[in-house]
Structures are given as C-alpha cells and as structure tokens.
Amino acid sequence: MKNSTVILTTEYFISALGQCCFMDCQLYQFHYINENKTWTEAQQYCREKHTDLVTVTNMKDMKRLISILPKYWRGAWIGLYYQANGNRKWHWSQSEVKFNESEKNWNTNEPNDATGWQNCGIIWKNLKWGDISCNDPQYFLCYEEKYILVKENKTWEDALTYCRDHHHDLVTITDMDDQRWIQEKVKVASTGYVWMGLSYACTLDLWFWVSDEVVSYKNWASGEPMDDCDMSGAMETRGKHQWRKKDDTEKFNFICSIMKRKYLKNVVFGTIHDEKKL
C-alpha cells in the first residue's frame, strides 16, 4: 500500500506577481507523514525524501501547520532528541541549529524521562512538546528546505567542502527570486558577509558558479567586481544584500543549497496524495 502524505507549505505568494511575500513567508515546507515509525526511522525517511525531521523554533509556523492538519491528528515526532551518551543535552536533528533553552515549549511536567529511556521529542496537538521512548511508533513531521545558513566561520574553500560533504553545494543565485530567498536567510548570519558559490577563475578571466550555472543574473555592489585572483563572491548580510568580492581566505558564514530534486512551490494546502519523487 502506498504511503499517504499531507503536504503543507508555509510559503505565501502574491498571485498577481507570482512572488513570495516575505512578511509571512518561510523558506521551507512541512510534510506530515501519517505512517508509524520509530524516531530513527522517521529521521531516516525525512532525510532521504525531504531534508530532516522538523525543527520547531517558530510557534507561529507551527500554529499554521496544526490548523490544517487532519482532525484525527494527535501527535508527531519532531527533530528533538536527548543524546544518550556523552553530553546529556537536548539537540535538534538538524545539526546546524542549536537547541535554545529560551525557545523550549514543553508540556506540563515534561520532560520527565518517566521510564528512564524517553530520549526523543514529540509535539502534541496542543503544540506542546513531550519526551517519549524513541522506539514508540508515531506519525512524524518532515520539512523541506531550499537553502540552509551555516553559522560557522570558514574560508571559501572550506565552506565549499562543507556544503558538498553535508548538503549539496554552495548556493547559486540565478535570478531575483533566488536572491530574495537568500537575502532572507542571511539576515540572521553572525558575520557581515556570507559566502556564495561564486568564484573568479584567473586563467579564464571570468566569474563562475561552482554549480556550472552561467553567471547571467548579477547583483554586484557599485564598483564591484574588480577581477582579482583568489577572490570569491559574498553577499552582504545587512543593507541591500549586494554582492562583494572577498579574499578566499577570509572567514564568513555561508549558504548551502540542499535541494537535489525539483522544489515543490505550488502546493495545495492539506492535499493528501501518493508522494512521488520528482
């Protein structure tokens, strides 16, 4: 029997322009999977078919999500786990996001580790979290993202290696829509610039995207770029979010692209269908 999936999106588009309204828009989609799995199985499923188990740091988004879930919904795995060995702290499955105690949303008297092995997090219908055994089969929530901001300071080359090892690639920006997505992400960066997958080839005397996309759309700041060796492209995290050339050895946060399959933009709210890989 085929799995049924409720595909939900927190993207909001202005229909006349076909553009995202960033006052309410988030850069990801939620996927509610109504199939019972252990926490580890759910994590594996989400990572194979989407991005990861959902990270819950924005309750406004979660309220939107819950409001359109099926009435029979009771609870679902989220990407929260309590490390069994070593550092006994709560962590998010998405390793780049640190668990913030100020954003916790536990149910009354939770977490209680009642049985001594309740190491995984679930979100209940009241939007509060609970801890239960990771081996209890539950429905679960995945999310799907186009880009991810990595708040680690790395050289351009190290950032490229990280993205390719952990996600897909350093980000490529081919049009204004891409630019808008990325500039929303970089607003919370911890450095003044973020690396993109844009670099200068001295021998060819040209700028290129590491993804092999043609550099057609450009958003350089005034006076940029002056073509110099050992330079790569970075986006301003403040102001107009324009592009600047920076020495490859400087260390900044960076944006990875993580979507290897076609990104679903046009999603019908609450539609149940047989999920097919595009």
C-alpha atoms as a PDB file:
ATOM      1  CA  MET A   1       0.000   0.000   0.000  1.00  0.00           C
ATOM      2  CA  LYS A   2       1.340   3.437  -0.933  1.00  0.00           C
ATOM      3  CA  ASN A   3       2.188   5.922   1.785  1.00  0.00           C
ATOM      4  CA  SER A   4      -0.109   8.919   2.099  1.00  0.00           C
ATOM      5  CA  THR A   5       1.435  12.257   2.875  1.00  0.00           C
ATOM      6  CA  VAL A   6      -0.123  15.560   3.785  1.00  0.00           C
ATOM      7  CA  ILE A   7       1.961  18.226   2.075  1.00  0.00           C
ATOM      8  CA  LEU A   8       1.813  21.595   3.775  1.00  0.00           C
ATOM      9  CA  THR A   9       3.556  24.791   2.879  1.00  0.00           C
ATOM     10  CA  THR A  10       4.302  27.981   4.766  1.00  0.00           C
ATOM     11  CA  GLU A  11       5.046  29.822   1.543  1.00  0.00           C
ATOM     12  CA  TYR A  12       2.696  32.669   0.743  1.00  0.00           C
ATOM     13  CA  PHE A  13       2.655  34.093  -2.756  1.00  0.00           C
ATOM     14  CA  ILE A  14       1.286  37.310  -4.209  1.00  0.00           C
ATOM     15  CA  SER A  15      -0.720  35.831  -7.051  1.00  0.00           C
ATOM     16  CA  ALA A  16      -0.544  38.891  -9.275  1.00  0.00           C
ATOM     17  CA  LEU A  17       3.237  38.901  -9.230  1.00  0.00           C
ATOM     18  CA  GLY A  18       3.968  35.269  -8.571  1.00  0.00           C
ATOM     19  CA  GLN A  19       6.390  36.305  -5.855  1.00  0.00           C
ATOM     20  CA  CYS A  20       6.702  35.388  -2.219  1.00  0.00           C
ATOM     21  CA  CYS A  21       5.502  37.805   0.422  1.00  0.00           C
ATOM     22  CA  PHE A  22       8.385  37.697   2.868  1.00  0.00           C
ATOM     23  CA  MET A  23       6.407  39.219   5.728  1.00  0.00           C
ATOM     24  CA  ASP A  24       4.816  35.813   6.297  1.00  0.00           C
ATOM     25  CA  CYS A  25       6.875  33.519   4.134  1.00  0.00           C
ATOM     26  CA  GLN A  26       9.239  30.863   5.415  1.00  0.00           C
ATOM     27  CA  LEU A  27      11.843  29.141   3.310  1.00  0.00           C
ATOM     28  CA  TYR A  28      10.603  25.625   3.821  1.00  0.00           C
ATOM     29  CA  GLN A  29       7.657  23.285   3.566  1.00  0.00           C
ATOM     30  CA  PHE A  30       6.195  20.979   6.197  1.00  0.00           C
ATOM     31  CA  HIS A  31       5.345  17.387   5.348  1.00  0.00           C
ATOM     32  CA  TYR A  32       3.069  15.458   7.717  1.00  0.00           C
ATOM     33  CA  ILE A  33       3.677  11.729   7.251  1.00  0.00           C
ATOM     34  CA  ASN A  34       0.829   9.565   8.536  1.00  0.00           C
ATOM     35  CA  GLU A  35       2.861   6.400   8.818  1.00  0.00           C
ATOM     36  CA  ASN A  36       4.017   4.949  12.139  1.00  0.00           C
ATOM     37  CA  LYS A  37       7.790   4.863  12.533  1.00  0.00           C
ATOM     38  CA  THR A  38      10.314   4.966  15.352  1.00  0.00           C
ATOM     39  CA  TRP A  39      12.140   8.266  15.766  1.00  0.00           C
ATOM     40  CA  THR A  40      15.253   6.959  13.992  1.00  0.00           C
ATOM     41  CA  GLU A  41      13.195   5.522  11.132  1.00  0.00           C
ATOM     42  CA  ALA A  42      11.339   8.817  10.824  1.00  0.00           C
ATOM     43  CA  GLN A  43      14.612  10.744  10.748  1.00  0.00           C
ATOM     44  CA  GLN A  44      15.953   8.467   8.016  1.00  0.00           C
ATOM     45  CA  TYR A  45      12.749   8.833   5.988  1.00  0.00           C
ATOM     46  CA  CYS A  46      12.820  12.632   6.241  1.00  0.00           C
ATOM     47  CA  ARG A  47      16.480  12.833   5.271  1.00  0.00           C
ATOM     48  CA  GLU A  48      16.014  10.558   2.278  1.00  0.00           C
ATOM     49  CA  LYS A  49      12.847  12.139   0.895  1.00  0.00           C
ATOM     50  CA  HIS A  50      12.947  15.682   2.246  1.00  0.00           C
ATOM     51  CA  THR A  51      15.509  17.494   4.410  1.00  0.00           C
ATOM     52  CA  ASP A  52      15.117  16.345   8.021  1.00  0.00           C
ATOM     53  CA  LEU A  53      12.697  15.959  10.902  1.00  0.00           C
ATOM     54  CA  VAL A  54      11.168  19.347  11.595  1.00  0.00           C
ATOM     55  CA  THR A  55      12.913  21.853  13.835  1.00  0.00           C
ATOM     56  CA  VAL A  56      10.395  23.747  15.980  1.00  0.00           C
ATOM     57  CA  THR A  57      11.695  27.203  16.824  1.00  0.00           C
ATOM     58  CA  ASN A  58       8.862  29.320  15.430  1.00  0.00           C
ATOM     59  CA  MET A  59       5.484  28.674  17.020  1.00  0.00           C
ATOM     60  CA  LYS A  60       3.724  30.966  14.552  1.00  0.00           C
ATOM     61  CA  ASP A  61       4.600  28.497  11.824  1.00  0.00           C
ATOM     62  CA  MET A  62       3.551  25.539  13.930  1.00  0.00           C
ATOM     63  CA  LYS A  63       0.142  27.081  14.610  1.00  0.00           C
ATOM     64  CA  ARG A  64      -0.376  27.451  10.872  1.00  0.00           C
ATOM     65  CA  LEU A  65       0.636  23.844  10.444  1.00  0.00           C
ATOM     66  CA  ILE A  66      -1.604  22.462  13.160  1.00  0.00           C
ATOM     67  CA  SER A  67      -4.601  24.464  11.938  1.00  0.00           C
ATOM     68  CA  ILE A  68      -4.753  22.494   8.695  1.00  0.00           C
ATOM     69  CA  LEU A  69      -3.787  19.033   9.909  1.00  0.00           C
ATOM     70  CA  PRO A  70      -6.368  16.221   9.889  1.00  0.00           C
ATOM     71  CA  LYS A  71      -8.782  16.150  12.832  1.00  0.00           C
ATOM     72  CA  TYR A  72      -7.551  12.728  13.896  1.00  0.00           C
ATOM     73  CA  TRP A  73      -4.044  14.086  14.414  1.00  0.00           C
ATOM     74  CA  ARG A  74      -2.796  13.530  17.973  1.00  0.00           C
ATOM     75  CA  GLY A  75       0.958  13.901  17.987  1.00  0.00           C
ATOM     76  CA  ALA A  76       4.026  13.539  15.793  1.00  0.00           C
ATOM     77  CA  TRP A  77       7.773  13.135  16.035  1.00  0.00           C
ATOM     78  CA  ILE A  78       9.854  16.298  15.701  1.00  0.00           C
ATOM     79  CA  GLY A  79      13.622  16.513  15.314  1.00  0.00           C
ATOM     80  CA  LEU A  80      14.330  16.715  19.043  1.00  0.00           C
ATOM     81  CA  TYR A  81      16.449  14.129  20.839  1.00  0.00           C
ATOM     82  CA  TYR A  82      18.302  13.738  24.115  1.00  0.00           C
ATOM     83  CA  GLN A  83      21.803  12.467  23.472  1.00  0.00           C
ATOM     84  CA  ALA A  84      22.059   9.096  25.183  1.00  0.00           C
ATOM     85  CA  ASN A  85      25.833   9.059  25.526  1.00  0.00           C
ATOM     86  CA  GLY A  86      28.285  11.807  26.349  1.00  0.00           C
ATOM     87  CA  ASN A  87      26.780  15.279  26.560  1.00  0.00           C
ATOM     88  CA  ARG A  88      23.301  14.744  28.053  1.00  0.00           C
ATOM     89  CA  LYS A  89      21.533  17.679  26.457  1.00  0.00           C
ATOM     90  CA  TRP A  90      18.660  18.144  24.043  1.00  0.00           C
ATOM     91  CA  HIS A  91      19.640  18.564  20.405  1.00  0.00           C
ATOM     92  CA  TRP A  92      17.908  19.149  17.082  1.00  0.00           C
ATOM     93  CA  SER A  93      18.291  16.597  14.323  1.00  0.00           C
ATOM     94  CA  GLN A  94      19.340  19.468  12.050  1.00  0.00           C
ATOM     95  CA  SER A  95      22.872  19.783  13.398  1.00  0.00           C
ATOM     96  CA  GLU A  96      23.376  23.405  12.316  1.00  0.00           C
ATOM     97  CA  VAL A  97      20.562  24.543  14.643  1.00  0.00           C
ATOM     98  CA  LYS A  98      21.494  24.659  18.320  1.00  0.00           C
ATOM     99  CA  PHE A  99      18.845  23.878  20.914  1.00  0.00           C
ATOM    100  CA  ASN A 100      17.912  27.122  22.634  1.00  0.00           C
ATOM    101  CA  GLU A 101      16.561  26.806  26.170  1.00  0.00           C
ATOM    102  CA  SER A 102      14.689  30.092  25.760  1.00  0.00           C
ATOM    103  CA  GLU A 103      12.644  28.587  22.908  1.00  0.00           C
ATOM    104  CA  LYS A 104      11.626  25.400  24.692  1.00  0.00           C
ATOM    105  CA  ASN A 105       7.918  24.571  24.736  1.00  0.00           C
ATOM    106  CA  TRP A 106       7.496  21.542  26.984  1.00  0.00           C
ATOM    107  CA  ASN A 107       4.134  20.281  28.165  1.00  0.00           C
ATOM    108  CA  THR A 108       3.395  20.428  31.888  1.00  0.00           C
ATOM    109  CA  ASN A 109       5.817  18.212  33.862  1.00  0.00           C
ATOM    110  CA  GLU A 110       7.820  17.460  30.728  1.00  0.00           C
ATOM    111  CA  PRO A 111      10.430  16.302  30.014  1.00  0.00           C
ATOM    112  CA  ASN A 112      10.233  13.716  32.762  1.00  0.00           C
ATOM    113  CA  ASP A 113      12.020  10.657  31.329  1.00  0.00           C
ATOM    114  CA  ALA A 114       9.423   8.592  33.187  1.00  0.00           C
ATOM    115  CA  THR A 115      10.705   5.217  32.014  1.00  0.00           C
ATOM    116  CA  GLY A 116      14.393   6.089  32.009  1.00  0.00           C
ATOM    117  CA  TRP A 117      14.734   5.926  28.220  1.00  0.00           C
ATOM    118  CA  GLN A 118      12.470   8.697  26.927  1.00  0.00           C
ATOM    119  CA  ASN A 119      15.088  10.328  24.737  1.00  0.00           C
ATOM    120  CA  CYS A 120      13.056  11.648  21.788  1.00  0.00           C
ATOM    121  CA  GLY A 121      10.732  14.600  21.337  1.00  0.00           C
ATOM    122  CA  ILE A 122       7.137  14.639  20.136  1.00  0.00           C
ATOM    123  CA  ILE A 123       4.769  17.550  19.553  1.00  0.00           C
ATOM    124  CA  TRP A 124       1.207  17.080  20.772  1.00  0.00           C
ATOM    125  CA  LYS A 125      -1.984  18.576  19.415  1.00  0.00           C
ATOM    126  CA  ASN A 126      -1.791  21.397  21.984  1.00  0.00           C
ATOM    127  CA  LEU A 127       1.562  22.385  20.365  1.00  0.00           C
ATOM    128  CA  LYS A 128       3.472  21.400  23.497  1.00  0.00           C
ATOM    129  CA  TRP A 129       6.419  19.012  23.476  1.00  0.00           C
ATOM    130  CA  GLY A 130       6.760  15.727  25.283  1.00  0.00           C
ATOM    131  CA  ASP A 131       9.509  13.144  25.672  1.00  0.00           C
ATOM    132  CA  ILE A 132       8.760   9.503  24.913  1.00  0.00           C
ATOM    133  CA  SER A 133      10.687   6.385  24.008  1.00  0.00           C
ATOM    134  CA  CYS A 134      12.391   6.681  20.624  1.00  0.00           C
ATOM    135  CA  ASN A 135      11.152   3.180  19.791  1.00  0.00           C
ATOM    136  CA  ASP A 136       7.447   4.059  20.064  1.00  0.00           C
ATOM    137  CA  PRO A 137       5.979   4.126  16.517  1.00  0.00           C
ATOM    138  CA  GLN A 138       4.490   7.552  15.760  1.00  0.00           C
ATOM    139  CA  TYR A 139       3.449   9.723  12.829  1.00  0.00           C
ATOM    140  CA  PHE A 140       6.024  12.424  12.138  1.00  0.00           C
ATOM    141  CA  LEU A 141       6.767  15.837  10.632  1.00  0.00           C
ATOM    142  CA  CYS A 142       9.414  16.412   7.978  1.00  0.00           C
ATOM    143  CA  TYR A 143      10.440  19.708   6.495  1.00  0.00           C
ATOM    144  CA  GLU A 144      11.926  20.564   3.138  1.00  0.00           C
ATOM    145  CA  GLU A 145      14.220  23.467   2.516  1.00  0.00           C
ATOM    146  CA  LYS A 146      15.957  25.002  -0.484  1.00  0.00           C
ATOM    147  CA  TYR A 147      18.856  26.589   1.355  1.00  0.00           C
ATOM    148  CA  ILE A 148      20.473  26.494   4.742  1.00  0.00           C
ATOM    149  CA  LEU A 149      22.557  29.123   6.508  1.00  0.00           C
ATOM    150  CA  VAL A 150      25.554  27.600   8.274  1.00  0.00           C
ATOM    151  CA  LYS A 151      26.666  29.813  11.143  1.00  0.00           C
ATOM    152  CA  GLU A 152      30.243  28.627  11.140  1.00  0.00           C
ATOM    153  CA  ASN A 153      33.107  30.847  10.038  1.00  0.00           C
ATOM    154  CA  LYS A 154      35.034  29.223   7.208  1.00  0.00           C
ATOM    155  CA  THR A 155      37.200  30.192   4.264  1.00  0.00           C
ATOM    156  CA  TRP A 156      35.505  29.984   0.867  1.00  0.00           C
ATOM    157  CA  GLU A 157      37.158  26.675   0.028  1.00  0.00           C
ATOM    158  CA  ASP A 158      36.329  25.143   3.407  1.00  0.00           C
ATOM    159  CA  ALA A 159      32.727  26.344   3.047  1.00  0.00           C
ATOM    160  CA  LEU A 160      32.515  24.695  -0.380  1.00  0.00           C
ATOM    161  CA  THR A 161      33.843  21.430   1.042  1.00  0.00           C
ATOM    162  CA  TYR A 162      31.400  21.564   3.967  1.00  0.00           C
ATOM    163  CA  CYS A 163      28.388  22.131   1.719  1.00  0.00           C
ATOM    164  CA  ARG A 164      29.349  19.282  -0.593  1.00  0.00           C
ATOM    165  CA  ASP A 165      30.050  16.915   2.295  1.00  0.00           C
ATOM    166  CA  HIS A 166      26.941  17.723   4.330  1.00  0.00           C
ATOM    167  CA  HIS A 167      24.352  19.083   1.901  1.00  0.00           C
ATOM    168  CA  HIS A 168      24.679  19.705  -1.831  1.00  0.00           C
ATOM    169  CA  ASP A 169      26.757  22.729  -2.817  1.00  0.00           C
ATOM    170  CA  LEU A 170      27.494  26.353  -2.064  1.00  0.00           C
ATOM    171  CA  VAL A 171      24.481  28.348  -3.194  1.00  0.00           C
ATOM    172  CA  THR A 172      23.958  29.516  -6.773  1.00  0.00           C
ATOM    173  CA  ILE A 173      21.842  32.609  -7.487  1.00  0.00           C
ATOM    174  CA  THR A 174      20.403  32.690 -10.993  1.00  0.00           C
ATOM    175  CA  ASP A 175      17.570  35.233 -10.708  1.00  0.00           C
ATOM    176  CA  MET A 176      15.815  37.731  -8.464  1.00  0.00           C
ATOM    177  CA  ASP A 177      13.705  35.008  -6.829  1.00  0.00           C
ATOM    178  CA  ASP A 178      16.857  33.190  -5.699  1.00  0.00           C
ATOM    179  CA  GLN A 179      18.274  36.490  -4.464  1.00  0.00           C
ATOM    180  CA  ARG A 180      15.173  37.160  -2.367  1.00  0.00           C
ATOM    181  CA  TRP A 181      15.209  33.696  -0.802  1.00  0.00           C
ATOM    182  CA  ILE A 182      18.875  34.022   0.127  1.00  0.00           C
ATOM    183  CA  GLN A 183      18.743  37.553   1.496  1.00  0.00           C
ATOM    184  CA  GLU A 184      16.005  36.460   3.913  1.00  0.00           C
ATOM    185  CA  LYS A 185      18.287  33.703   5.157  1.00  0.00           C
ATOM    186  CA  VAL A 186      21.377  35.873   5.610  1.00  0.00           C
ATOM    187  CA  LYS A 187      19.621  38.402   7.854  1.00  0.00           C
ATOM    188  CA  VAL A 188      20.359  36.193  10.862  1.00  0.00           C
ATOM    189  CA  ALA A 189      24.000  35.483   9.963  1.00  0.00           C
ATOM    190  CA  SER A 190      26.671  36.196  12.563  1.00  0.00           C
ATOM    191  CA  THR A 191      29.125  37.699  10.044  1.00  0.00           C
ATOM    192  CA  GLY A 192      28.881  40.799   7.859  1.00  0.00           C
ATOM    193  CA  TYR A 193      29.023  38.703   4.705  1.00  0.00           C
ATOM    194  CA  VAL A 194      28.141  35.148   3.704  1.00  0.00           C
ATOM    195  CA  TRP A 195      29.913  33.084   1.083  1.00  0.00           C
ATOM    196  CA  MET A 196      28.130  32.098  -2.114  1.00  0.00           C
ATOM    197  CA  GLY A 197      29.212  29.556  -4.719  1.00  0.00           C
ATOM    198  CA  LEU A 198      30.673  32.314  -6.895  1.00  0.00           C
ATOM    199  CA  SER A 199      34.389  32.486  -7.648  1.00  0.00           C
ATOM    200  CA  TYR A 200      36.841  34.072 -10.065  1.00  0.00           C
ATOM    201  CA  ALA A 201      38.990  31.970 -12.410  1.00  0.00           C
ATOM    202  CA  CYS A 202      42.228  33.805 -13.139  1.00  0.00           C
ATOM    203  CA  THR A 203      43.257  31.633 -16.069  1.00  0.00           C
ATOM    204  CA  LEU A 204      39.905  32.092 -17.809  1.00  0.00           C
ATOM    205  CA  ASP A 205      39.380  35.676 -16.647  1.00  0.00           C
ATOM    206  CA  LEU A 206      35.771  35.103 -15.657  1.00  0.00           C
ATOM    207  CA  TRP A 207      33.417  34.698 -12.706  1.00  0.00           C
ATOM    208  CA  PHE A 208      31.689  31.337 -12.421  1.00  0.00           C
ATOM    209  CA  TRP A 209      29.219  29.441 -10.247  1.00  0.00           C
ATOM    210  CA  VAL A 210      30.541  26.193  -8.785  1.00  0.00           C
ATOM    211  CA  SER A 211      27.295  24.540  -9.920  1.00  0.00           C
ATOM    212  CA  ASP A 212      28.270  25.304 -13.563  1.00  0.00           C
ATOM    213  CA  GLU A 213      25.319  27.674 -13.964  1.00  0.00           C
ATOM    214  CA  VAL A 214      26.003  30.652 -16.229  1.00  0.00           C
ATOM    215  CA  VAL A 215      26.530  33.943 -14.387  1.00  0.00           C
ATOM    216  CA  SER A 216      23.645  35.812 -16.009  1.00  0.00           C
ATOM    217  CA  TYR A 217      21.848  37.448 -13.071  1.00  0.00           C
ATOM    218  CA  LYS A 218      24.156  39.799 -11.138  1.00  0.00           C
ATOM    219  CA  ASN A 219      23.746  41.895  -8.007  1.00  0.00           C
ATOM    220  CA  TRP A 220      27.191  43.421  -7.523  1.00  0.00           C
ATOM    221  CA  ALA A 221      27.600  46.489  -5.342  1.00  0.00           C
ATOM    222  CA  SER A 222      28.779  49.673  -7.031  1.00  0.00           C
ATOM    223  CA  GLY A 223      32.407  49.368  -8.157  1.00  0.00           C
ATOM    224  CA  GLU A 224      32.372  45.567  -7.896  1.00  0.00           C
ATOM    225  CA  PRO A 225      33.861  43.321  -9.012  1.00  0.00           C
ATOM    226  CA  MET A 226      37.420  44.190  -9.899  1.00  0.00           C
ATOM    227  CA  ASP A 227      38.747  40.944 -11.268  1.00  0.00           C
ATOM    228  CA  ASP A 228      41.475  39.685  -8.935  1.00  0.00           C
ATOM    229  CA  CYS A 229      42.855  36.226  -8.347  1.00  0.00           C
ATOM    230  CA  ASP A 230      41.994  34.316  -5.175  1.00  0.00           C
ATOM    231  CA  MET A 231      38.681  36.122  -4.841  1.00  0.00           C
ATOM    232  CA  SER A 232      35.162  34.772  -4.397  1.00  0.00           C
ATOM    233  CA  GLY A 233      31.688  36.234  -4.090  1.00  0.00           C
ATOM    234  CA  ALA A 234      29.977  37.042  -0.793  1.00  0.00           C
ATOM    235  CA  MET A 235      26.612  38.650  -0.042  1.00  0.00           C
ATOM    236  CA  GLU A 236      26.111  41.488   2.417  1.00  0.00           C
ATOM    237  CA  THR A 237      24.050  40.365   5.395  1.00  0.00           C
ATOM    238  CA  ARG A 238      22.746  43.882   6.004  1.00  0.00           C
ATOM    239  CA  GLY A 239      21.686  46.797   3.842  1.00  0.00           C
ATOM    240  CA  LYS A 240      20.876  45.983   0.213  1.00  0.00           C
ATOM    241  CA  HIS A 241      22.319  42.445   0.355  1.00  0.00           C
ATOM    242  CA  GLN A 242      24.514  43.137  -2.646  1.00  0.00           C
ATOM    243  CA  TRP A 243      27.477  41.045  -3.736  1.00  0.00           C
ATOM    244  CA  ARG A 244      31.080  41.812  -2.879  1.00  0.00           C
ATOM    245  CA  LYS A 245      34.339  40.174  -3.888  1.00  0.00           C
ATOM    246  CA  LYS A 246      36.255  38.887  -0.877  1.00  0.00           C
ATOM    247  CA  ASP A 247      39.595  37.208  -0.367  1.00  0.00           C
ATOM    248  CA  ASP A 248      39.144  33.422  -0.325  1.00  0.00           C
ATOM    249  CA  THR A 249      40.970  33.175   2.998  1.00  0.00           C
ATOM    250  CA  GLU A 250      38.528  35.397   4.895  1.00  0.00           C
ATOM    251  CA  LYS A 251      36.137  33.508   7.140  1.00  0.00           C
ATOM    252  CA  PHE A 252      32.376  34.009   6.957  1.00  0.00           C
ATOM    253  CA  ASN A 253      29.111  32.166   7.480  1.00  0.00           C
ATOM    254  CA  PHE A 254      27.869  30.579   4.267  1.00  0.00           C
ATOM    255  CA  ILE A 255      24.760  29.339   2.454  1.00  0.00           C
ATOM    256  CA  CYS A 256      24.441  25.763   1.210  1.00  0.00           C
ATOM    257  CA  SER A 257      21.879  24.570  -1.306  1.00  0.00           C
ATOM    258  CA  ILE A 258      20.275  21.336  -0.198  1.00  0.00           C
ATOM    259  CA  MET A 259      17.568  20.602  -2.739  1.00  0.00           C
ATOM    260  CA  LYS A 260      18.672  17.878  -5.146  1.00  0.00           C
ATOM    261  CA  ARG A 261      15.221  17.376  -6.596  1.00  0.00           C
ATOM    262  CA  LYS A 262      12.686  19.768  -8.008  1.00  0.00           C
ATOM    263  CA  TYR A 263      11.389  22.110  -5.320  1.00  0.00           C
ATOM    264  CA  LEU A 264       7.632  21.996  -4.819  1.00  0.00           C
ATOM    265  CA  LYS A 265       6.370  25.583  -4.890  1.00  0.00           C
ATOM    266  CA  ASN A 266       2.765  25.101  -5.916  1.00  0.00           C
ATOM    267  CA  VAL A 267       1.283  23.067  -3.120  1.00  0.00           C
ATOM    268  CA  VAL A 268      -2.382  22.664  -2.316  1.00  0.00           C
ATOM    269  CA  PHE A 269      -2.966  23.096   1.412  1.00  0.00           C
ATOM    270  CA  GLY A 270      -3.981  19.882   3.121  1.00  0.00           C
ATOM    271  CA  THR A 271      -3.990  17.755  -0.028  1.00  0.00           C
ATOM    272  CA  ILE A 272      -3.444  14.060   0.604  1.00  0.00           C
ATOM    273  CA  HIS A 273      -1.747  12.266  -2.244  1.00  0.00           C
ATOM    274  CA  ASP A 274       0.646   9.477  -3.067  1.00  0.00           C
ATOM    275  CA  GLU A 275       4.039  11.078  -2.713  1.00  0.00           C
ATOM    276  CA  LYS A 276       6.222  10.661  -5.789  1.00  0.00           C
ATOM    277  CA  LYS A 277       9.816  11.688  -6.167  1.00  0.00           C
ATOM    278  CA  LEU A 278      10.225  14.240  -8.937  1.00  0.00           C
END
